[in-house]
Amino acid sequence: MSIEIPEKFIPMLGAEMKMDVHWIDVKLKNGNVYKNLVVRGGRYITGSSSGQNGEGYIPFVSEDILKLRRHSILPYWG
């Protein structure tokens, strides 16, 4: 299963970090934060970087996304 990133967040992905892969952090409307998620194809969240091949269960849907950024070790959101 994959989650399509809403169009307005696509520019926030920046350049690919590895062939066809981005690592991102997502903040949801309910305040939950998911870090180090994998994006493939420049548009689809496929799972966590710790999952097998960057794939796995994603406990939210596109409409839940409030903010998105490239993966960061910083705890705050700009």
PDB file of N, CA and C in Angstrom:
ATOM      1  N   MET A   1       0.836  -1.179   0.000  1.00  0.00           N
ATOM      2  CA  MET A   1       0.000   0.000   0.000  1.00  0.00           C
ATOM      3  C   MET A   1       0.883   1.246   0.000  1.00  0.00           C
ATOM      4  N   SER A   2       0.506   2.236  -0.731  1.00  0.00           N
ATOM      5  CA  SER A   2       1.255   3.491  -0.745  1.00  0.00           C
ATOM      6  C   SER A   2       0.283   4.655  -0.612  1.00  0.00           C
ATOM      7  N   ILE A   3       0.816   5.780  -0.142  1.00  0.00           N
ATOM      8  CA  ILE A   3       0.025   6.986   0.062  1.00  0.00           C
ATOM      9  C   ILE A   3       0.497   8.031  -0.941  1.00  0.00           C
ATOM     10  N   GLU A   4      -0.413   8.566  -1.731  1.00  0.00           N
ATOM     11  CA  GLU A   4      -0.042   9.611  -2.679  1.00  0.00           C
ATOM     12  C   GLU A   4       0.105  10.941  -1.942  1.00  0.00           C
ATOM     13  N   ILE A   5       1.211  11.612  -2.180  1.00  0.00           N
ATOM     14  CA  ILE A   5       1.457  12.909  -1.562  1.00  0.00           C
ATOM     15  C   ILE A   5       0.635  13.962  -2.299  1.00  0.00           C
ATOM     16  N   PRO A   6      -0.124  14.779  -1.557  1.00  0.00           N
ATOM     17  CA  PRO A   6      -0.888  15.843  -2.216  1.00  0.00           C
ATOM     18  C   PRO A   6       0.028  16.771  -3.035  1.00  0.00           C
ATOM     19  N   GLU A   7      -0.484  17.228  -4.146  1.00  0.00           N
ATOM     20  CA  GLU A   7       0.280  18.045  -5.110  1.00  0.00           C
ATOM     21  C   GLU A   7       0.995  19.224  -4.460  1.00  0.00           C
ATOM     22  N   LYS A   8       0.367  19.889  -3.487  1.00  0.00           N
ATOM     23  CA  LYS A   8       0.971  21.081  -2.885  1.00  0.00           C
ATOM     24  C   LYS A   8       2.249  20.779  -2.102  1.00  0.00           C
ATOM     25  N   PHE A   9       2.480  19.517  -1.738  1.00  0.00           N
ATOM     26  CA  PHE A   9       3.675  19.158  -0.980  1.00  0.00           C
ATOM     27  C   PHE A   9       4.828  18.658  -1.863  1.00  0.00           C
ATOM     28  N   ILE A  10       4.578  18.376  -3.111  1.00  0.00           N
ATOM     29  CA  ILE A  10       5.608  17.824  -4.006  1.00  0.00           C
ATOM     30  C   ILE A  10       6.857  18.708  -4.069  1.00  0.00           C
ATOM     31  N   PRO A  11       6.742  20.045  -4.177  1.00  0.00           N
ATOM     32  CA  PRO A  11       7.957  20.878  -4.234  1.00  0.00           C
ATOM     33  C   PRO A  11       8.838  20.764  -2.979  1.00  0.00           C
ATOM     34  N   MET A  12       8.272  20.340  -1.865  1.00  0.00           N
ATOM     35  CA  MET A  12       9.031  20.223  -0.623  1.00  0.00           C
ATOM     36  C   MET A  12       9.951  19.007  -0.591  1.00  0.00           C
ATOM     37  N   LEU A  13       9.781  18.095  -1.532  1.00  0.00           N
ATOM     38  CA  LEU A  13      10.614  16.904  -1.565  1.00  0.00           C
ATOM     39  C   LEU A  13      12.069  17.228  -1.908  1.00  0.00           C
ATOM     40  N   GLY A  14      12.273  18.209  -2.771  1.00  0.00           N
ATOM     41  CA  GLY A  14      13.624  18.543  -3.198  1.00  0.00           C
ATOM     42  C   GLY A  14      14.199  17.467  -4.104  1.00  0.00           C
ATOM     43  N   ALA A  15      15.510  17.471  -4.234  1.00  0.00           N
ATOM     44  CA  ALA A  15      16.195  16.508  -5.094  1.00  0.00           C
ATOM     45  C   ALA A  15      16.163  15.116  -4.477  1.00  0.00           C
ATOM     46  N   GLU A  16      16.187  14.102  -5.344  1.00  0.00           N
ATOM     47  CA  GLU A  16      16.222  12.723  -4.862  1.00  0.00           C
ATOM     48  C   GLU A  16      17.475  12.504  -4.031  1.00  0.00           C
ATOM     49  N   MET A  17      17.363  11.742  -2.963  1.00  0.00           N
ATOM     50  CA  MET A  17      18.498  11.471  -2.096  1.00  0.00           C
ATOM     51  C   MET A  17      19.235  10.210  -2.552  1.00  0.00           C
ATOM     52  N   LYS A  18      18.580   9.387  -3.298  1.00  0.00           N
ATOM     53  CA  LYS A  18      19.122   8.163  -3.850  1.00  0.00           C
ATOM     54  C   LYS A  18      18.277   7.903  -5.088  1.00  0.00           C
ATOM     55  N   MET A  19      18.683   7.051  -5.965  1.00  0.00           N
ATOM     56  CA  MET A  19      17.920   6.839  -7.200  1.00  0.00           C
ATOM     57  C   MET A  19      16.447   6.576  -6.909  1.00  0.00           C
ATOM     58  N   ASP A  20      15.588   7.507  -7.347  1.00  0.00           N
ATOM     59  CA  ASP A  20      14.135   7.391  -7.238  1.00  0.00           C
ATOM     60  C   ASP A  20      13.642   7.313  -5.790  1.00  0.00           C
ATOM     61  N   VAL A  21      14.426   7.806  -4.825  1.00  0.00           N
ATOM     62  CA  VAL A  21      14.017   7.717  -3.420  1.00  0.00           C
ATOM     63  C   VAL A  21      14.232   9.053  -2.718  1.00  0.00           C
ATOM     64  N   HIS A  22      13.263   9.417  -1.888  1.00  0.00           N
ATOM     65  CA  HIS A  22      13.372  10.548  -0.972  1.00  0.00           C
ATOM     66  C   HIS A  22      13.110  10.009   0.427  1.00  0.00           C
ATOM     67  N   TRP A  23      13.691  10.641   1.442  1.00  0.00           N
ATOM     68  CA  TRP A  23      13.363  10.340   2.831  1.00  0.00           C
ATOM     69  C   TRP A  23      12.720  11.595   3.399  1.00  0.00           C
ATOM     70  N   ILE A  24      11.554  11.431   3.998  1.00  0.00           N
ATOM     71  CA  ILE A  24      10.800  12.591   4.485  1.00  0.00           C
ATOM     72  C   ILE A  24      10.295  12.366   5.907  1.00  0.00           C
ATOM     73  N   ASP A  25       9.896  13.466   6.534  1.00  0.00           N
ATOM     74  CA  ASP A  25       9.166  13.461   7.793  1.00  0.00           C
ATOM     75  C   ASP A  25       7.797  14.054   7.481  1.00  0.00           C
ATOM     76  N   VAL A  26       6.771  13.518   8.118  1.00  0.00           N
ATOM     77  CA  VAL A  26       5.403  13.978   7.889  1.00  0.00           C
ATOM     78  C   VAL A  26       4.767  14.332   9.223  1.00  0.00           C
ATOM     79  N   LYS A  27       4.128  15.484   9.274  1.00  0.00           N
ATOM     80  CA  LYS A  27       3.348  15.882  10.445  1.00  0.00           C
ATOM     81  C   LYS A  27       1.881  15.841  10.043  1.00  0.00           C
ATOM     82  N   LEU A  28       1.082  15.162  10.846  1.00  0.00           N
ATOM     83  CA  LEU A  28      -0.330  15.016  10.544  1.00  0.00           C
ATOM     84  C   LEU A  28      -1.168  16.079  11.237  1.00  0.00           C
ATOM     85  N   LYS A  29      -2.376  16.250  10.779  1.00  0.00           N
ATOM     86  CA  LYS A  29      -3.295  17.230  11.351  1.00  0.00           C
ATOM     87  C   LYS A  29      -3.587  16.949  12.822  1.00  0.00           C
ATOM     88  N   ASN A  30      -3.492  15.686  13.251  1.00  0.00           N
ATOM     89  CA  ASN A  30      -3.753  15.338  14.649  1.00  0.00           C
ATOM     90  C   ASN A  30      -2.519  15.509  15.540  1.00  0.00           C
ATOM     91  N   GLY A  31      -1.395  15.989  14.952  1.00  0.00           N
ATOM     92  CA  GLY A  31      -0.184  16.246  15.713  1.00  0.00           C
ATOM     93  C   GLY A  31       0.839  15.122  15.678  1.00  0.00           C
ATOM     94  N   ASN A  32       0.467  13.947  15.216  1.00  0.00           N
ATOM     95  CA  ASN A  32       1.424  12.843  15.126  1.00  0.00           C
ATOM     96  C   ASN A  32       2.490  13.155  14.075  1.00  0.00           C
ATOM     97  N   VAL A  33       3.714  12.711  14.352  1.00  0.00           N
ATOM     98  CA  VAL A  33       4.824  12.911  13.423  1.00  0.00           C
ATOM     99  C   VAL A  33       5.402  11.549  13.065  1.00  0.00           C
ATOM    100  N   TYR A  34       5.624  11.325  11.794  1.00  0.00           N
ATOM    101  CA  TYR A  34       6.260  10.104  11.300  1.00  0.00           C
ATOM    102  C   TYR A  34       7.543  10.518  10.607  1.00  0.00           C
ATOM    103  N   LYS A  35       8.658   9.966  11.087  1.00  0.00           N
ATOM    104  CA  LYS A  35       9.968  10.372  10.586  1.00  0.00           C
ATOM    105  C   LYS A  35      10.577   9.280   9.709  1.00  0.00           C
ATOM    106  N   ASN A  36      11.405   9.748   8.782  1.00  0.00           N
ATOM    107  CA  ASN A  36      12.201   8.871   7.928  1.00  0.00           C
ATOM    108  C   ASN A  36      11.346   7.915   7.095  1.00  0.00           C
ATOM    109  N   LEU A  37      10.325   8.472   6.466  1.00  0.00           N
ATOM    110  CA  LEU A  37       9.495   7.691   5.557  1.00  0.00           C
ATOM    111  C   LEU A  37      10.118   7.716   4.163  1.00  0.00           C
ATOM    112  N   VAL A  38       9.802   6.715   3.378  1.00  0.00           N
ATOM    113  CA  VAL A  38      10.366   6.574   2.035  1.00  0.00           C
ATOM    114  C   VAL A  38       9.339   7.017   0.995  1.00  0.00           C
ATOM    115  N   VAL A  39       9.792   7.837   0.053  1.00  0.00           N
ATOM    116  CA  VAL A  39       8.959   8.253  -1.083  1.00  0.00           C
ATOM    117  C   VAL A  39       9.613   7.710  -2.346  1.00  0.00           C
ATOM    118  N   ARG A  40       8.814   7.056  -3.155  1.00  0.00           N
ATOM    119  CA  ARG A  40       9.300   6.529  -4.441  1.00  0.00           C
ATOM    120  C   ARG A  40       8.472   7.126  -5.569  1.00  0.00           C
ATOM    121  N   GLY A  41       9.098   7.196  -6.712  1.00  0.00           N
ATOM    122  CA  GLY A  41       8.399   7.731  -7.875  1.00  0.00           C
ATOM    123  C   GLY A  41       8.101   9.214  -7.755  1.00  0.00           C
ATOM    124  N   GLY A  42       8.757   9.882  -6.798  1.00  0.00           N
ATOM    125  CA  GLY A  42       8.563  11.308  -6.626  1.00  0.00           C
ATOM    126  C   GLY A  42       7.193  11.709  -6.131  1.00  0.00           C
ATOM    127  N   ARG A  43       6.404  10.717  -5.637  1.00  0.00           N
ATOM    128  CA  ARG A  43       5.038  11.066  -5.270  1.00  0.00           C
ATOM    129  C   ARG A  43       4.393  10.139  -4.245  1.00  0.00           C
ATOM    130  N   TYR A  44       4.899   8.942  -4.028  1.00  0.00           N
ATOM    131  CA  TYR A  44       4.208   7.945  -3.209  1.00  0.00           C
ATOM    132  C   TYR A  44       5.010   7.535  -1.979  1.00  0.00           C
ATOM    133  N   ILE A  45       4.408   7.704  -0.810  1.00  0.00           N
ATOM    134  CA  ILE A  45       5.017   7.232   0.432  1.00  0.00           C
ATOM    135  C   ILE A  45       4.764   5.728   0.486  1.00  0.00           C
ATOM    136  N   THR A  46       5.849   4.957   0.565  1.00  0.00           N
ATOM    137  CA  THR A  46       5.711   3.503   0.514  1.00  0.00           C
ATOM    138  C   THR A  46       5.916   2.827   1.864  1.00  0.00           C
ATOM    139  N   GLY A  47       6.506   3.532   2.816  1.00  0.00           N
ATOM    140  CA  GLY A  47       6.732   2.945   4.135  1.00  0.00           C
ATOM    141  C   GLY A  47       7.870   3.643   4.846  1.00  0.00           C
ATOM    142  N   SER A  48       8.395   2.990   5.854  1.00  0.00           N
ATOM    143  CA  SER A  48       9.488   3.534   6.651  1.00  0.00           C
ATOM    144  C   SER A  48      10.829   3.079   6.093  1.00  0.00           C
ATOM    145  N   SER A  49      11.860   3.876   6.324  1.00  0.00           N
ATOM    146  CA  SER A  49      13.193   3.489   5.861  1.00  0.00           C
ATOM    147  C   SER A  49      13.680   2.231   6.569  1.00  0.00           C
ATOM    148  N   SER A  50      13.118   1.921   7.728  1.00  0.00           N
ATOM    149  CA  SER A  50      13.525   0.718   8.453  1.00  0.00           C
ATOM    150  C   SER A  50      12.786  -0.531   7.964  1.00  0.00           C
ATOM    151  N   GLY A  51      11.763  -0.347   7.131  1.00  0.00           N
ATOM    152  CA  GLY A  51      11.016  -1.474   6.588  1.00  0.00           C
ATOM    153  C   GLY A  51      11.771  -2.144   5.454  1.00  0.00           C
ATOM    154  N   GLN A  52      11.402  -3.365   5.166  1.00  0.00           N
ATOM    155  CA  GLN A  52      12.051  -4.099   4.091  1.00  0.00           C
ATOM    156  C   GLN A  52      11.830  -3.379   2.767  1.00  0.00           C
ATOM    157  N   ASN A  53      12.908  -2.986   2.118  1.00  0.00           N
ATOM    158  CA  ASN A  53      12.871  -2.246   0.854  1.00  0.00           C
ATOM    159  C   ASN A  53      12.117  -0.925   0.949  1.00  0.00           C
ATOM    160  N   GLY A  54      12.043  -0.358   2.148  1.00  0.00           N
ATOM    161  CA  GLY A  54      11.347   0.918   2.320  1.00  0.00           C
ATOM    162  C   GLY A  54       9.852   0.812   2.127  1.00  0.00           C
ATOM    163  N   GLU A  55       9.314  -0.380   2.352  1.00  0.00           N
ATOM    164  CA  GLU A  55       7.889  -0.605   2.171  1.00  0.00           C
ATOM    165  C   GLU A  55       7.282  -1.093   3.476  1.00  0.00           C
ATOM    166  N   GLY A  56       5.996  -0.814   3.653  1.00  0.00           N
ATOM    167  CA  GLY A  56       5.314  -1.284   4.846  1.00  0.00           C
ATOM    168  C   GLY A  56       4.030  -0.533   5.099  1.00  0.00           C
ATOM    169  N   TYR A  57       3.416  -0.841   6.225  1.00  0.00           N
ATOM    170  CA  TYR A  57       2.139  -0.241   6.613  1.00  0.00           C
ATOM    171  C   TYR A  57       2.319   1.239   6.917  1.00  0.00           C
ATOM    172  N   ILE A  58       1.392   2.051   6.439  1.00  0.00           N
ATOM    173  CA  ILE A  58       1.396   3.491   6.693  1.00  0.00           C
ATOM    174  C   ILE A  58       0.072   3.817   7.390  1.00  0.00           C
ATOM    175  N   PRO A  59       0.125   4.278   8.650  1.00  0.00           N
ATOM    176  CA  PRO A  59      -1.095   4.446   9.439  1.00  0.00           C
ATOM    177  C   PRO A  59      -1.835   5.772   9.240  1.00  0.00           C
ATOM    178  N   PHE A  60      -1.816   6.307   8.030  1.00  0.00           N
ATOM    179  CA  PHE A  60      -2.553   7.533   7.738  1.00  0.00           C
ATOM    180  C   PHE A  60      -2.870   7.585   6.258  1.00  0.00           C
ATOM    181  N   VAL A  61      -3.686   8.562   5.869  1.00  0.00           N
ATOM    182  CA  VAL A  61      -4.048   8.758   4.456  1.00  0.00           C
ATOM    183  C   VAL A  61      -3.592  10.149   4.012  1.00  0.00           C
ATOM    184  N   SER A  62      -3.607  10.396   2.737  1.00  0.00           N
ATOM    185  CA  SER A  62      -3.145  11.666   2.165  1.00  0.00           C
ATOM    186  C   SER A  62      -3.786  12.876   2.830  1.00  0.00           C
ATOM    187  N   GLU A  63      -5.064  12.790   3.086  1.00  0.00           N
ATOM    188  CA  GLU A  63      -5.816  13.923   3.638  1.00  0.00           C
ATOM    189  C   GLU A  63      -5.386  14.279   5.059  1.00  0.00           C
ATOM    190  N   ASP A  64      -4.689  13.369   5.756  1.00  0.00           N
ATOM    191  CA  ASP A  64      -4.229  13.611   7.128  1.00  0.00           C
ATOM    192  C   ASP A  64      -2.972  14.479   7.198  1.00  0.00           C
ATOM    193  N   ILE A  65      -2.261  14.648   6.076  1.00  0.00           N
ATOM    194  CA  ILE A  65      -0.972  15.336   6.074  1.00  0.00           C
ATOM    195  C   ILE A  65      -1.161  16.845   6.255  1.00  0.00           C
ATOM    196  N   LEU A  66      -0.476  17.387   7.276  1.00  0.00           N
ATOM    197  CA  LEU A  66      -0.484  18.823   7.528  1.00  0.00           C
ATOM    198  C   LEU A  66       0.776  19.474   6.975  1.00  0.00           C
ATOM    199  N   LYS A  67       1.925  18.834   7.230  1.00  0.00           N
ATOM    200  CA  LYS A  67       3.214  19.356   6.767  1.00  0.00           C
ATOM    201  C   LYS A  67       4.097  18.190   6.333  1.00  0.00           C
ATOM    202  N   LEU A  68       5.050  18.521   5.490  1.00  0.00           N
ATOM    203  CA  LEU A  68       5.998  17.536   4.992  1.00  0.00           C
ATOM    204  C   LEU A  68       7.344  18.223   4.842  1.00  0.00           C
ATOM    205  N   ARG A  69       8.412  17.525   5.151  1.00  0.00           N
ATOM    206  CA  ARG A  69       9.759  18.068   4.952  1.00  0.00           C
ATOM    207  C   ARG A  69      10.712  16.919   4.648  1.00  0.00           C
ATOM    208  N   ARG A  70      11.859  17.291   4.094  1.00  0.00           N
ATOM    209  CA  ARG A  70      12.921  16.305   3.920  1.00  0.00           C
ATOM    210  C   ARG A  70      13.306  15.803   5.301  1.00  0.00           C
ATOM    211  N   HIS A  71      13.738  14.569   5.406  1.00  0.00           N
ATOM    212  CA  HIS A  71      14.090  14.007   6.704  1.00  0.00           C
ATOM    213  C   HIS A  71      15.109  14.891   7.414  1.00  0.00           C
ATOM    214  N   SER A  72      14.884  15.127   8.693  1.00  0.00           N
ATOM    215  CA  SER A  72      15.742  16.000   9.482  1.00  0.00           C
ATOM    216  C   SER A  72      15.902  15.435  10.882  1.00  0.00           C
ATOM    217  N   ILE A  73      17.052  15.698  11.494  1.00  0.00           N
ATOM    218  CA  ILE A  73      17.245  15.298  12.885  1.00  0.00           C
ATOM    219  C   ILE A  73      16.718  16.362  13.836  1.00  0.00           C
ATOM    220  N   LEU A  74      16.357  17.517  13.294  1.00  0.00           N
ATOM    221  CA  LEU A  74      15.850  18.614  14.117  1.00  0.00           C
ATOM    222  C   LEU A  74      14.420  18.319  14.571  1.00  0.00           C
ATOM    223  N   PRO A  75      14.094  18.608  15.829  1.00  0.00           N
ATOM    224  CA  PRO A  75      12.773  18.287  16.354  1.00  0.00           C
ATOM    225  C   PRO A  75      11.670  19.286  15.996  1.00  0.00           C
ATOM    226  N   TYR A  76      12.045  20.485  15.587  1.00  0.00           N
ATOM    227  CA  TYR A  76      11.026  21.518  15.333  1.00  0.00           C
ATOM    228  C   TYR A  76      10.674  21.596  13.856  1.00  0.00           C
ATOM    229  N   TRP A  77       9.493  22.151  13.601  1.00  0.00           N
ATOM    230  CA  TRP A  77       9.005  22.335  12.231  1.00  0.00           C
ATOM    231  C   TRP A  77       8.934  23.800  11.929  1.00  0.00           C
ATOM    232  N   GLY A  78       9.444  24.199  10.762  1.00  0.00           N
ATOM    233  CA  GLY A  78       9.427  25.596  10.357  1.00  0.00           C
ATOM    234  C   GLY A  78       8.142  26.029   9.757  1.00  0.00           C
TER     235      GLY A  78
END
